[in-house]
PDB file of N, CA and C in Angstrom:
ATOM      1  N   MET A   1      50.057   2.571  33.697  1.00  0.00           N
ATOM      2  CA  MET A   1      49.444   1.570  34.593  1.00  0.00           C
ATOM      3  C   MET A   1      48.651   0.615  33.519  1.00  0.00           C
ATOM      4  N   ALA A   2      48.884  -0.555  33.388  1.00  0.00           N
ATOM      5  CA  ALA A   2      48.188  -1.574  32.520  1.00  0.00           C
ATOM      6  C   ALA A   2      47.011  -2.112  33.277  1.00  0.00           C
ATOM      7  N   VAL A   3      45.971  -2.151  32.605  1.00  0.00           N
ATOM      8  CA  VAL A   3      44.761  -2.876  33.173  1.00  0.00           C
ATOM      9  C   VAL A   3      44.454  -4.194  32.388  1.00  0.00           C
ATOM     10  N   ASN A   4      44.060  -5.082  33.259  1.00  0.00           N
ATOM     11  CA  ASN A   4      43.862  -6.550  32.562  1.00  0.00           C
ATOM     12  C   ASN A   4      42.239  -6.520  32.427  1.00  0.00           C
ATOM     13  N   VAL A   5      42.017  -6.390  31.119  1.00  0.00           N
ATOM     14  CA  VAL A   5      40.443  -6.528  30.764  1.00  0.00           C
ATOM     15  C   VAL A   5      39.956  -7.894  30.758  1.00  0.00           C
ATOM     16  N   GLN A   6      40.864  -8.873  30.816  1.00  0.00           N
ATOM     17  CA  GLN A   6      40.283 -10.236  30.989  1.00  0.00           C
ATOM     18  C   GLN A   6      39.490 -10.469  32.207  1.00  0.00           C
ATOM     19  N   GLN A   7      39.874  -9.799  33.301  1.00  0.00           N
ATOM     20  CA  GLN A   7      39.134 -10.069  34.558  1.00  0.00           C
ATOM     21  C   GLN A   7      37.692  -9.582  34.348  1.00  0.00           C
ATOM     22  N   TYR A   8      37.536  -8.589  33.453  1.00  0.00           N
ATOM     23  CA  TYR A   8      36.109  -7.956  33.235  1.00  0.00           C
ATOM     24  C   TYR A   8      35.347  -8.980  32.345  1.00  0.00           C
ATOM     25  N   LEU A   9      36.012  -9.738  31.496  1.00  0.00           N
ATOM     26  CA  LEU A   9      35.202 -10.591  30.584  1.00  0.00           C
ATOM     27  C   LEU A   9      34.583 -11.783  31.325  1.00  0.00           C
ATOM     28  N   ASN A  10      35.147 -12.116  32.421  1.00  0.00           N
ATOM     29  CA  ASN A  10      34.683 -13.349  33.071  1.00  0.00           C
ATOM     30  C   ASN A  10      33.546 -13.102  34.073  1.00  0.00           C
ATOM     31  N   LYS A  11      33.181 -11.726  34.307  1.00  0.00           N
ATOM     32  CA  LYS A  11      32.164 -11.472  35.356  1.00  0.00           C
ATOM     33  C   LYS A  11      30.801 -11.202  34.442  1.00  0.00           C
ATOM     34  N   GLU A  12      29.678 -11.342  35.309  1.00  0.00           N
ATOM     35  CA  GLU A  12      28.422 -11.042  34.603  1.00  0.00           C
ATOM     36  C   GLU A  12      28.052  -9.656  35.231  1.00  0.00           C
ATOM     37  N   TYR A  13      27.471  -8.899  34.345  1.00  0.00           N
ATOM     38  CA  TYR A  13      26.876  -7.515  34.793  1.00  0.00           C
ATOM     39  C   TYR A  13      25.432  -7.364  34.407  1.00  0.00           C
ATOM     40  N   GLU A  14      24.673  -6.613  35.175  1.00  0.00           N
ATOM     41  CA  GLU A  14      23.380  -6.258  34.828  1.00  0.00           C
ATOM     42  C   GLU A  14      23.157  -5.251  33.854  1.00  0.00           C
ATOM     43  N   VAL A  15      22.588  -5.392  32.744  1.00  0.00           N
ATOM     44  CA  VAL A  15      22.390  -4.440  31.669  1.00  0.00           C
ATOM     45  C   VAL A  15      20.810  -4.560  31.358  1.00  0.00           C
ATOM     46  N   GLU A  16      20.446  -3.305  30.831  1.00  0.00           N
ATOM     47  CA  GLU A  16      19.019  -3.191  30.404  1.00  0.00           C
ATOM     48  C   GLU A  16      18.743  -3.549  29.041  1.00  0.00           C
ATOM     49  N   CYS A  17      18.032  -4.463  28.717  1.00  0.00           N
ATOM     50  CA  CYS A  17      17.565  -4.916  27.385  1.00  0.00           C
ATOM     51  C   CYS A  17      16.155  -4.830  27.268  1.00  0.00           C
ATOM     52  N   ASP A  18      15.606  -3.947  26.432  1.00  0.00           N
ATOM     53  CA  ASP A  18      14.264  -3.663  26.156  1.00  0.00           C
ATOM     54  C   ASP A  18      13.483  -3.566  27.408  1.00  0.00           C
ATOM     55  N   GLY A  19      13.991  -2.748  28.389  1.00  0.00           N
ATOM     56  CA  GLY A  19      13.305  -2.355  29.657  1.00  0.00           C
ATOM     57  C   GLY A  19      13.443  -3.385  30.660  1.00  0.00           C
ATOM     58  N   GLN A  20      14.086  -4.616  30.454  1.00  0.00           N
ATOM     59  CA  GLN A  20      14.265  -5.749  31.412  1.00  0.00           C
ATOM     60  C   GLN A  20      15.851  -5.667  31.802  1.00  0.00           C
ATOM     61  N   MET A  21      15.867  -5.986  33.191  1.00  0.00           N
ATOM     62  CA  MET A  21      17.499  -6.129  33.656  1.00  0.00           C
ATOM     63  C   MET A  21      17.843  -7.478  33.378  1.00  0.00           C
ATOM     64  N   VAL A  22      18.929  -7.750  32.594  1.00  0.00           N
ATOM     65  CA  VAL A  22      19.452  -9.151  32.393  1.00  0.00           C
ATOM     66  C   VAL A  22      20.868  -9.215  32.787  1.00  0.00           C
ATOM     67  N   ARG A  23      21.250 -10.251  33.325  1.00  0.00           N
ATOM     68  CA  ARG A  23      22.745 -10.384  33.657  1.00  0.00           C
ATOM     69  C   ARG A  23      23.452 -11.133  32.470  1.00  0.00           C
ATOM     70  N   LEU A  24      24.416 -10.425  31.887  1.00  0.00           N
ATOM     71  CA  LEU A  24      25.179 -10.816  30.811  1.00  0.00           C
ATOM     72  C   LEU A  24      26.624 -10.789  31.058  1.00  0.00           C
ATOM     73  N   LYS A  25      27.431 -11.589  30.281  1.00  0.00           N
ATOM     74  CA  LYS A  25      28.855 -11.425  30.278  1.00  0.00           C
ATOM     75  C   LYS A  25      29.129 -10.587  29.071  1.00  0.00           C
ATOM     76  N   PRO A  26      30.144  -9.639  29.009  1.00  0.00           N
ATOM     77  CA  PRO A  26      30.509  -8.831  27.932  1.00  0.00           C
ATOM     78  C   PRO A  26      31.161  -9.712  26.826  1.00  0.00           C
ATOM     79  N   VAL A  27      30.926  -9.396  25.538  1.00  0.00           N
ATOM     80  CA  VAL A  27      31.662 -10.100  24.504  1.00  0.00           C
ATOM     81  C   VAL A  27      33.126  -9.616  24.229  1.00  0.00           C
ATOM     82  N   LYS A  28      33.176  -8.240  24.502  1.00  0.00           N
ATOM     83  CA  LYS A  28      34.456  -7.538  24.280  1.00  0.00           C
ATOM     84  C   LYS A  28      34.510  -6.545  25.341  1.00  0.00           C
ATOM     85  N   ALA A  29      35.782  -6.239  25.845  1.00  0.00           N
ATOM     86  CA  ALA A  29      36.058  -5.083  26.707  1.00  0.00           C
ATOM     87  C   ALA A  29      37.204  -4.298  26.478  1.00  0.00           C
ATOM     88  N   TRP A  30      37.219  -2.943  26.548  1.00  0.00           N
ATOM     89  CA  TRP A  30      38.430  -2.141  26.202  1.00  0.00           C
ATOM     90  C   TRP A  30      38.413  -1.027  27.163  1.00  0.00           C
ATOM     91  N   VAL A  31      39.605  -0.250  27.280  1.00  0.00           N
ATOM     92  CA  VAL A  31      39.699   0.755  28.153  1.00  0.00           C
ATOM     93  C   VAL A  31      39.552   2.104  27.329  1.00  0.00           C
ATOM     94  N   LEU A  32      38.804   3.021  27.758  1.00  0.00           N
ATOM     95  CA  LEU A  32      38.489   4.342  27.282  1.00  0.00           C
ATOM     96  C   LEU A  32      39.107   5.299  28.258  1.00  0.00           C
ATOM     97  N   GLN A  33      40.125   6.005  27.797  1.00  0.00           N
ATOM     98  CA  GLN A  33      40.809   6.986  28.629  1.00  0.00           C
ATOM     99  C   GLN A  33      41.146   8.159  27.821  1.00  0.00           C
ATOM    100  N   PRO A  34      40.322   9.257  27.922  1.00  0.00           N
ATOM    101  CA  PRO A  34      40.708  10.598  27.275  1.00  0.00           C
ATOM    102  C   PRO A  34      41.827  11.190  27.836  1.00  0.00           C
ATOM    103  N   LYS A  35      42.488  11.987  27.115  1.00  0.00           N
ATOM    104  CA  LYS A  35      43.793  12.734  27.597  1.00  0.00           C
ATOM    105  C   LYS A  35      43.458  13.550  28.788  1.00  0.00           C
ATOM    106  N   GLY A  36      44.328  13.359  30.014  1.00  0.00           N
ATOM    107  CA  GLY A  36      44.102  14.217  31.097  1.00  0.00           C
ATOM    108  C   GLY A  36      42.967  13.770  32.083  1.00  0.00           C
ATOM    109  N   ARG A  37      42.252  12.704  31.679  1.00  0.00           N
ATOM    110  CA  ARG A  37      41.125  12.168  32.562  1.00  0.00           C
ATOM    111  C   ARG A  37      41.367  10.889  33.044  1.00  0.00           C
ATOM    112  N   LYS A  38      40.536  10.350  34.064  1.00  0.00           N
ATOM    113  CA  LYS A  38      40.647   9.098  34.568  1.00  0.00           C
ATOM    114  C   LYS A  38      39.836   8.151  33.487  1.00  0.00           C
ATOM    115  N   GLY A  39      40.355   6.911  33.411  1.00  0.00           N
ATOM    116  CA  GLY A  39      39.744   6.109  32.254  1.00  0.00           C
ATOM    117  C   GLY A  39      38.593   5.226  32.856  1.00  0.00           C
ATOM    118  N   VAL A  40      37.872   4.657  31.949  1.00  0.00           N
ATOM    119  CA  VAL A  40      36.758   3.669  32.396  1.00  0.00           C
ATOM    120  C   VAL A  40      37.018   2.393  31.373  1.00  0.00           C
ATOM    121  N   VAL A  41      36.454   1.319  31.847  1.00  0.00           N
ATOM    122  CA  VAL A  41      36.362   0.077  31.101  1.00  0.00           C
ATOM    123  C   VAL A  41      34.986   0.023  30.431  1.00  0.00           C
ATOM    124  N   ILE A  42      35.053  -0.093  29.103  1.00  0.00           N
ATOM    125  CA  ILE A  42      33.726  -0.286  28.385  1.00  0.00           C
ATOM    126  C   ILE A  42      33.542  -1.802  27.992  1.00  0.00           C
ATOM    127  N   GLY A  43      32.184  -2.231  28.264  1.00  0.00           N
ATOM    128  CA  GLY A  43      31.941  -3.589  27.976  1.00  0.00           C
ATOM    129  C   GLY A  43      30.968  -3.715  26.696  1.00  0.00           C
ATOM    130  N   LEU A  44      31.040  -4.578  25.827  1.00  0.00           N
ATOM    131  CA  LEU A  44      30.123  -4.627  24.739  1.00  0.00           C
ATOM    132  C   LEU A  44      29.214  -5.891  24.959  1.00  0.00           C
ATOM    133  N   PHE A  45      28.017  -5.775  25.041  1.00  0.00           N
ATOM    134  CA  PHE A  45      27.056  -6.831  25.384  1.00  0.00           C
ATOM    135  C   PHE A  45      26.178  -7.138  24.340  1.00  0.00           C
ATOM    136  N   LYS A  46      25.746  -8.327  24.167  1.00  0.00           N
ATOM    137  CA  LYS A  46      24.831  -8.868  23.162  1.00  0.00           C
ATOM    138  C   LYS A  46      23.653  -9.311  23.949  1.00  0.00           C
ATOM    139  N   CYS A  47      22.522  -8.647  23.706  1.00  0.00           N
ATOM    140  CA  CYS A  47      21.102  -9.037  24.340  1.00  0.00           C
ATOM    141  C   CYS A  47      20.669 -10.344  23.701  1.00  0.00           C
ATOM    142  N   PRO A  48      19.823 -11.034  24.479  1.00  0.00           N
ATOM    143  CA  PRO A  48      19.195 -12.254  23.872  1.00  0.00           C
ATOM    144  C   PRO A  48      18.299 -11.941  22.612  1.00  0.00           C
ATOM    145  N   ASN A  49      17.856 -10.627  22.409  1.00  0.00           N
ATOM    146  CA  ASN A  49      16.943 -10.347  21.346  1.00  0.00           C
ATOM    147  C   ASN A  49      17.806  -9.885  20.085  1.00  0.00           C
ATOM    148  N   GLY A  50      19.204  -9.930  20.314  1.00  0.00           N
ATOM    149  CA  GLY A  50      20.131  -9.663  19.141  1.00  0.00           C
ATOM    150  C   GLY A  50      20.580  -8.273  19.077  1.00  0.00           C
ATOM    151  N   LYS A  51      20.292  -7.417  19.932  1.00  0.00           N
ATOM    152  CA  LYS A  51      20.727  -6.101  19.942  1.00  0.00           C
ATOM    153  C   LYS A  51      22.151  -6.103  20.690  1.00  0.00           C
ATOM    154  N   THR A  52      22.907  -5.042  20.320  1.00  0.00           N
ATOM    155  CA  THR A  52      24.227  -4.929  21.093  1.00  0.00           C
ATOM    156  C   THR A  52      24.176  -3.575  21.730  1.00  0.00           C
ATOM    157  N   LEU A  53      24.930  -3.549  22.823  1.00  0.00           N
ATOM    158  CA  LEU A  53      24.963  -2.245  23.554  1.00  0.00           C
ATOM    159  C   LEU A  53      26.304  -2.330  24.356  1.00  0.00           C
ATOM    160  N   ARG A  54      26.684  -1.003  24.702  1.00  0.00           N
ATOM    161  CA  ARG A  54      27.840  -0.736  25.458  1.00  0.00           C
ATOM    162  C   ARG A  54      27.459  -0.078  26.769  1.00  0.00           C
ATOM    163  N   LYS A  55      28.290  -0.505  27.837  1.00  0.00           N
ATOM    164  CA  LYS A  55      28.050   0.054  29.182  1.00  0.00           C
ATOM    165  C   LYS A  55      29.418   0.051  29.870  1.00  0.00           C
ATOM    166  N   ALA A  56      29.631   1.149  30.592  1.00  0.00           N
ATOM    167  CA  ALA A  56      30.802   1.316  31.488  1.00  0.00           C
ATOM    168  C   ALA A  56      30.711   0.298  32.599  1.00  0.00           C
ATOM    169  N   ILE A  57      31.827  -0.659  32.725  1.00  0.00           N
ATOM    170  CA  ILE A  57      31.820  -1.646  33.765  1.00  0.00           C
ATOM    171  C   ILE A  57      32.855  -1.624  34.737  1.00  0.00           C
ATOM    172  N   GLY A  58      33.691  -0.560  34.533  1.00  0.00           N
ATOM    173  CA  GLY A  58      34.941  -0.290  35.654  1.00  0.00           C
ATOM    174  C   GLY A  58      35.364   1.018  35.508  1.00  0.00           C
ATOM    175  N   LYS A  59      36.134   1.358  36.564  1.00  0.00           N
ATOM    176  CA  LYS A  59      36.818   2.700  36.625  1.00  0.00           C
ATOM    177  C   LYS A  59      38.313   2.372  36.776  1.00  0.00           C
ATOM    178  N   ILE A  60      39.133   3.187  36.178  1.00  0.00           N
ATOM    179  CA  ILE A  60      40.635   3.252  36.336  1.00  0.00           C
ATOM    180  C   ILE A  60      41.053   4.396  37.215  1.00  0.00           C
ATOM    181  N   GLU A  61      41.641   4.194  38.262  1.00  0.00           N
ATOM    182  CA  GLU A  61      42.117   5.276  39.119  1.00  0.00           C
ATOM    183  C   GLU A  61      43.560   5.814  38.833  1.00  0.00           C
TER     184      GLU A  61
END
């Protein structure tokens, strides 16, 4: 089952940057699916202060 990660790149998500919730679009997104388990879509976000963080932004059934 192929997942289109492009659809995740166009949405904004709430992420926590230095204790504040900020709405950001991911810089990059990829699928993380360990063997024998359901997968998740991980997004890479760049906070306004320069920090980068990862967050699960979707589930694969």
